[in-house]
Amino acid sequence: MIESISGAATIFAQLGIIFADLVTGSEPNFFELRSAMRGDGVWLWGLVMTLAGGVFVAWIYRVVPFIDRNLESTLMVVSYLLIGAIIFIEVIRRFVFSEQFPWSTTIPGYLFLIMTWTGCSYNVRLRTHLSFSEFRSKMGRLPQMVMLGLDAALWWGVCLLVIVTSMSVVANAGSNFMIVTGTDNVMVWWFLITLPLAFVLLSGRVFQNLFVDIRKYRNGDKMIEQAVLGGQ
């Protein structure tokens, strides 16, 4: 247990150093982070990021309603428009002018990564993922609350797994100075880091929904409502 706590603290310390390097304009050093991510504390670190990070994000959503309403949807729309613009322009350039930017086939894929996983967080908030609402609406209030709690626990498990594994990929990409194909100085980790961040946001949405469910259960309000795709 002591080794796990020490390892988790080392990961947080290395992330702090990387953040300080970014702020000061220095080249981040991912070598120590990659080593720490292979240690005993990586899952404890992931658990803290999933739960503490999720609570912090849920708090941000509560105190800044504008972020709550617009963060994921803005990221999705901007990413989608950029993907469409790049593909549209490059198709014209390729077939009309016989030229093409070499990064035009790689950058859209990374933008799609951002759009997909922020969209996952957005739809957790809207409860439009598969949840068997029609079946659950016929249950009693206590079984409904149990099912909603199970949903939250499963989502946190997914968040923990993705945050830990994707952060290891980020550290590996950064330590190997991986550059996006077709570019000279665009680093792969700039895009990959959005994956663990997106699942911290998702954890915040899970906490947000769970707090609503608990309040409804205590107040005797309707627990299960039919979700509408794209609704608010």
Protein backbone atom coordinates (compact mmCIF):
# COMPACT_ATOMS: atom_id res chain seq x y z
CA MET A 1 0.00 0.00 0.00
CA ILE A 2 2.83 2.38 0.83
CA GLU A 3 4.41 1.65 -2.55
CA SER A 4 1.12 2.42 -4.29
CA ILE A 5 0.71 5.73 -2.48
CA SER A 6 4.30 6.67 -3.23
CA GLY A 7 3.90 5.71 -6.89
CA ALA A 8 0.68 7.71 -7.24
CA ALA A 9 2.33 10.73 -5.62
CA THR A 10 5.23 10.41 -8.08
CA ILE A 11 2.84 10.43 -11.04
CA PHE A 12 1.10 13.56 -9.75
CA ALA A 13 4.49 15.20 -9.20
CA GLN A 14 5.63 14.37 -12.73
CA LEU A 15 2.38 15.71 -14.19
CA GLY A 16 2.92 18.89 -12.21
CA ILE A 17 6.44 19.24 -13.64
CA ILE A 18 5.12 18.72 -17.18
CA PHE A 19 2.43 21.35 -16.62
CA ALA A 20 5.04 23.79 -15.30
CA ASP A 21 7.20 23.12 -18.36
CA LEU A 22 4.27 23.89 -20.64
CA VAL A 23 3.51 27.14 -18.82
CA THR A 24 7.13 28.28 -19.02
CA GLY A 25 7.49 27.20 -22.64
CA SER A 26 10.04 24.46 -21.93
CA GLU A 27 10.08 21.06 -23.61
CA PRO A 28 8.20 18.63 -21.29
CA ASN A 29 10.14 15.57 -20.14
CA PHE A 30 7.93 12.49 -20.32
CA PHE A 31 10.62 9.93 -19.48
CA GLU A 32 10.07 10.05 -15.72
CA LEU A 33 6.31 10.00 -16.16
CA ARG A 34 6.51 6.94 -18.39
CA SER A 35 8.55 5.12 -15.75
CA ALA A 36 6.14 6.16 -13.00
CA MET A 37 3.15 4.95 -15.04
CA ARG A 38 4.67 1.48 -14.99
CA GLY A 39 4.87 1.43 -11.19
CA ASP A 40 2.60 0.10 -8.46
CA GLY A 41 0.74 3.37 -7.90
CA VAL A 42 -0.72 3.82 -11.37
CA TRP A 43 -4.14 2.37 -10.54
CA LEU A 44 -4.37 4.32 -7.29
CA TRP A 45 -3.50 7.46 -9.25
CA GLY A 46 -6.20 6.58 -11.79
CA LEU A 47 -8.74 6.06 -9.01
CA VAL A 48 -7.99 9.47 -7.54
CA MET A 49 -8.23 11.08 -10.98
CA THR A 50 -11.53 9.34 -11.66
CA LEU A 51 -13.24 10.13 -8.35
CA ALA A 52 -11.60 13.34 -7.11
CA GLY A 53 -11.31 14.68 -10.65
CA GLY A 54 -14.95 13.82 -11.31
CA VAL A 55 -16.14 15.57 -8.14
CA PHE A 56 -14.10 18.66 -9.06
CA VAL A 57 -15.54 18.73 -12.58
CA ALA A 58 -19.08 18.30 -11.23
CA TRP A 59 -18.44 21.24 -8.91
CA ILE A 60 -17.20 23.36 -11.83
CA TYR A 61 -20.37 22.49 -13.75
CA ARG A 62 -22.45 23.59 -10.78
CA VAL A 63 -20.77 26.95 -10.16
CA VAL A 64 -20.35 27.81 -13.87
CA PRO A 65 -23.58 26.82 -15.66
CA PHE A 66 -22.24 28.16 -18.97
CA ILE A 67 -19.54 25.46 -18.98
CA ASP A 68 -22.12 22.88 -17.95
CA ARG A 69 -24.32 23.74 -20.94
CA ASN A 70 -21.71 24.35 -23.62
CA LEU A 71 -18.35 22.63 -23.01
CA GLU A 72 -18.79 19.26 -24.70
CA SER A 73 -21.21 20.47 -27.37
CA THR A 74 -18.80 23.24 -28.37
CA LEU A 75 -15.86 20.85 -28.60
CA MET A 76 -17.92 18.41 -30.66
CA VAL A 77 -19.18 21.03 -33.09
CA VAL A 78 -15.79 22.72 -33.54
CA SER A 79 -14.06 19.36 -34.09
CA TYR A 80 -16.73 18.27 -36.56
CA LEU A 81 -16.54 21.52 -38.53
CA LEU A 82 -12.75 21.33 -38.68
CA ILE A 83 -12.90 17.75 -39.93
CA GLY A 84 -15.43 18.69 -42.59
CA ALA A 85 -13.51 21.80 -43.64
CA ILE A 86 -10.20 19.96 -43.96
CA ILE A 87 -11.70 17.11 -45.98
CA PHE A 88 -13.74 19.45 -48.21
CA ILE A 89 -10.82 21.76 -48.99
CA GLU A 90 -8.34 18.96 -49.52
CA VAL A 91 -10.62 17.07 -51.91
CA ILE A 92 -10.85 20.18 -54.06
CA ARG A 93 -7.10 20.80 -53.85
CA ARG A 94 -6.34 17.19 -54.75
CA PHE A 95 -8.61 16.81 -57.76
CA VAL A 96 -8.49 20.36 -59.09
CA PHE A 97 -4.98 21.53 -58.29
CA SER A 98 -3.26 18.12 -57.93
CA GLU A 99 -1.79 19.00 -54.55
CA GLN A 100 -2.55 18.13 -50.98
CA PHE A 101 -1.22 18.88 -47.50
CA PRO A 102 0.42 15.69 -46.16
CA TRP A 103 -1.27 16.10 -42.76
CA SER A 104 -4.78 16.30 -44.22
CA THR A 105 -5.30 12.55 -43.81
CA THR A 106 -4.01 12.35 -40.22
CA ILE A 107 -5.24 15.48 -38.41
CA PRO A 108 -8.96 14.69 -39.06
CA GLY A 109 -8.50 11.33 -37.36
CA TYR A 110 -7.22 12.98 -34.19
CA LEU A 111 -10.00 15.56 -34.32
CA PHE A 112 -12.46 12.70 -34.58
CA LEU A 113 -10.95 11.33 -31.36
CA ILE A 114 -11.79 14.60 -29.59
CA MET A 115 -15.31 14.70 -31.04
CA THR A 116 -16.07 11.08 -30.12
CA TRP A 117 -15.00 11.07 -26.49
CA THR A 118 -16.34 14.50 -25.58
CA GLY A 119 -19.55 13.30 -27.22
CA CYS A 120 -19.49 10.28 -24.93
CA SER A 121 -19.37 12.58 -21.90
CA TYR A 122 -22.16 14.73 -23.35
CA ASN A 123 -24.45 11.75 -23.88
CA VAL A 124 -23.79 10.40 -20.40
CA ARG A 125 -25.22 13.67 -19.12
CA LEU A 126 -28.26 13.31 -21.41
CA ARG A 127 -28.57 9.61 -20.47
CA THR A 128 -28.87 8.65 -24.13
CA HIS A 129 -26.55 5.68 -23.81
CA LEU A 130 -28.13 2.24 -23.57
CA SER A 131 -29.87 2.16 -20.18
CA PHE A 132 -33.01 0.00 -20.63
CA SER A 133 -35.20 2.90 -19.47
CA GLU A 134 -38.46 1.27 -20.57
CA PHE A 135 -37.68 -1.84 -18.53
CA ARG A 136 -36.46 0.08 -15.48
CA SER A 137 -39.46 2.41 -15.42
CA LYS A 138 -41.60 -0.60 -14.41
CA MET A 139 -39.44 -1.31 -11.34
CA GLY A 140 -39.99 -0.03 -7.82
CA ARG A 141 -38.17 3.06 -6.62
CA LEU A 142 -35.48 1.21 -4.65
CA PRO A 143 -34.55 -1.16 -7.53
CA GLN A 144 -34.45 1.87 -9.83
CA MET A 145 -32.02 3.61 -7.49
CA VAL A 146 -29.91 0.47 -7.30
CA MET A 147 -29.77 0.25 -11.10
CA LEU A 148 -28.80 3.91 -11.41
CA GLY A 149 -26.08 3.40 -8.80
CA LEU A 150 -24.85 0.39 -10.76
CA ASP A 151 -24.70 2.56 -13.88
CA ALA A 152 -22.51 5.05 -12.04
CA ALA A 153 -20.20 2.34 -10.71
CA LEU A 154 -19.77 0.81 -14.16
CA TRP A 155 -19.05 4.20 -15.74
CA TRP A 156 -16.42 4.91 -13.08
CA GLY A 157 -14.84 1.55 -13.84
CA VAL A 158 -14.68 2.44 -17.53
CA CYS A 159 -13.22 5.86 -16.67
CA LEU A 160 -10.56 4.30 -14.45
CA LEU A 161 -9.51 1.84 -17.14
CA VAL A 162 -9.38 4.43 -19.92
CA ILE A 163 -7.64 7.13 -17.88
CA VAL A 164 -4.86 4.79 -16.77
CA THR A 165 -4.26 3.07 -20.10
CA SER A 166 -4.58 6.19 -22.25
CA MET A 167 -2.28 8.20 -20.00
CA SER A 168 0.33 5.48 -20.41
CA VAL A 169 0.00 5.90 -24.19
CA VAL A 170 0.36 9.68 -23.79
CA ALA A 171 3.54 9.25 -21.74
CA ASN A 172 4.95 6.82 -24.28
CA ALA A 173 4.15 9.15 -27.21
CA GLY A 174 5.69 12.11 -25.42
CA SER A 175 8.85 10.30 -24.37
CA ASN A 176 9.39 9.07 -27.94
CA PHE A 177 8.78 12.53 -29.43
CA MET A 178 6.11 11.13 -31.74
CA ILE A 179 5.08 13.66 -34.39
CA VAL A 180 1.80 13.64 -36.30
CA THR A 181 2.44 12.17 -39.74
CA GLY A 182 2.75 14.88 -42.37
CA THR A 183 3.84 17.60 -39.95
CA ASP A 184 7.20 18.83 -38.69
CA ASN A 185 6.44 19.86 -35.13
CA VAL A 186 2.88 18.83 -34.18
CA MET A 187 3.18 16.31 -31.36
CA VAL A 188 0.91 13.28 -31.13
CA TRP A 189 0.47 13.65 -27.36
CA TRP A 190 -1.25 17.01 -27.87
CA PHE A 191 -4.21 15.07 -29.24
CA LEU A 192 -3.91 11.91 -27.14
CA ILE A 193 -4.07 13.87 -23.88
CA THR A 194 -7.67 14.73 -24.71
CA LEU A 195 -8.68 11.11 -24.11
CA PRO A 196 -7.96 10.90 -20.35
CA LEU A 197 -9.23 14.46 -19.95
CA ALA A 198 -12.49 13.53 -21.69
CA PHE A 199 -13.02 10.65 -19.28
CA VAL A 200 -12.41 12.91 -16.29
CA LEU A 201 -15.18 15.08 -17.73
CA LEU A 202 -17.29 11.95 -18.15
CA SER A 203 -16.73 11.05 -14.49
CA GLY A 204 -17.95 14.53 -13.58
CA ARG A 205 -21.13 13.91 -15.58
CA VAL A 206 -21.63 10.60 -13.76
CA PHE A 207 -21.39 12.35 -10.39
CA GLN A 208 -23.74 15.05 -11.65
CA ASN A 209 -26.37 12.49 -12.67
CA LEU A 210 -25.97 10.51 -9.47
CA PHE A 211 -26.54 13.59 -7.31
CA VAL A 212 -29.73 14.27 -9.28
CA ASP A 213 -30.86 10.66 -8.85
CA ILE A 214 -30.29 10.72 -5.10
CA ARG A 215 -32.22 13.98 -4.78
CA LYS A 216 -35.13 12.57 -6.78
CA TYR A 217 -35.15 9.41 -4.69
CA ARG A 218 -35.27 11.38 -1.45
CA ASN A 219 -37.95 13.78 -2.70
CA GLY A 220 -40.15 11.06 -4.14
CA ASP A 221 -39.86 12.43 -7.68
CA LYS A 222 -39.99 10.35 -10.84
CA MET A 223 -36.70 8.45 -11.16
CA ILE A 224 -36.58 7.19 -14.75
CA GLU A 225 -37.34 9.45 -17.69
CA GLN A 226 -37.17 8.63 -21.37
CA ALA A 227 -34.06 10.21 -22.91
CA VAL A 228 -34.22 12.06 -26.22
CA LEU A 229 -31.24 11.92 -28.59
CA GLY A 230 -29.80 15.40 -28.93
CA GLY A 231 -32.13 16.75 -26.24
CA GLN A 232 -31.26 18.89 -23.26
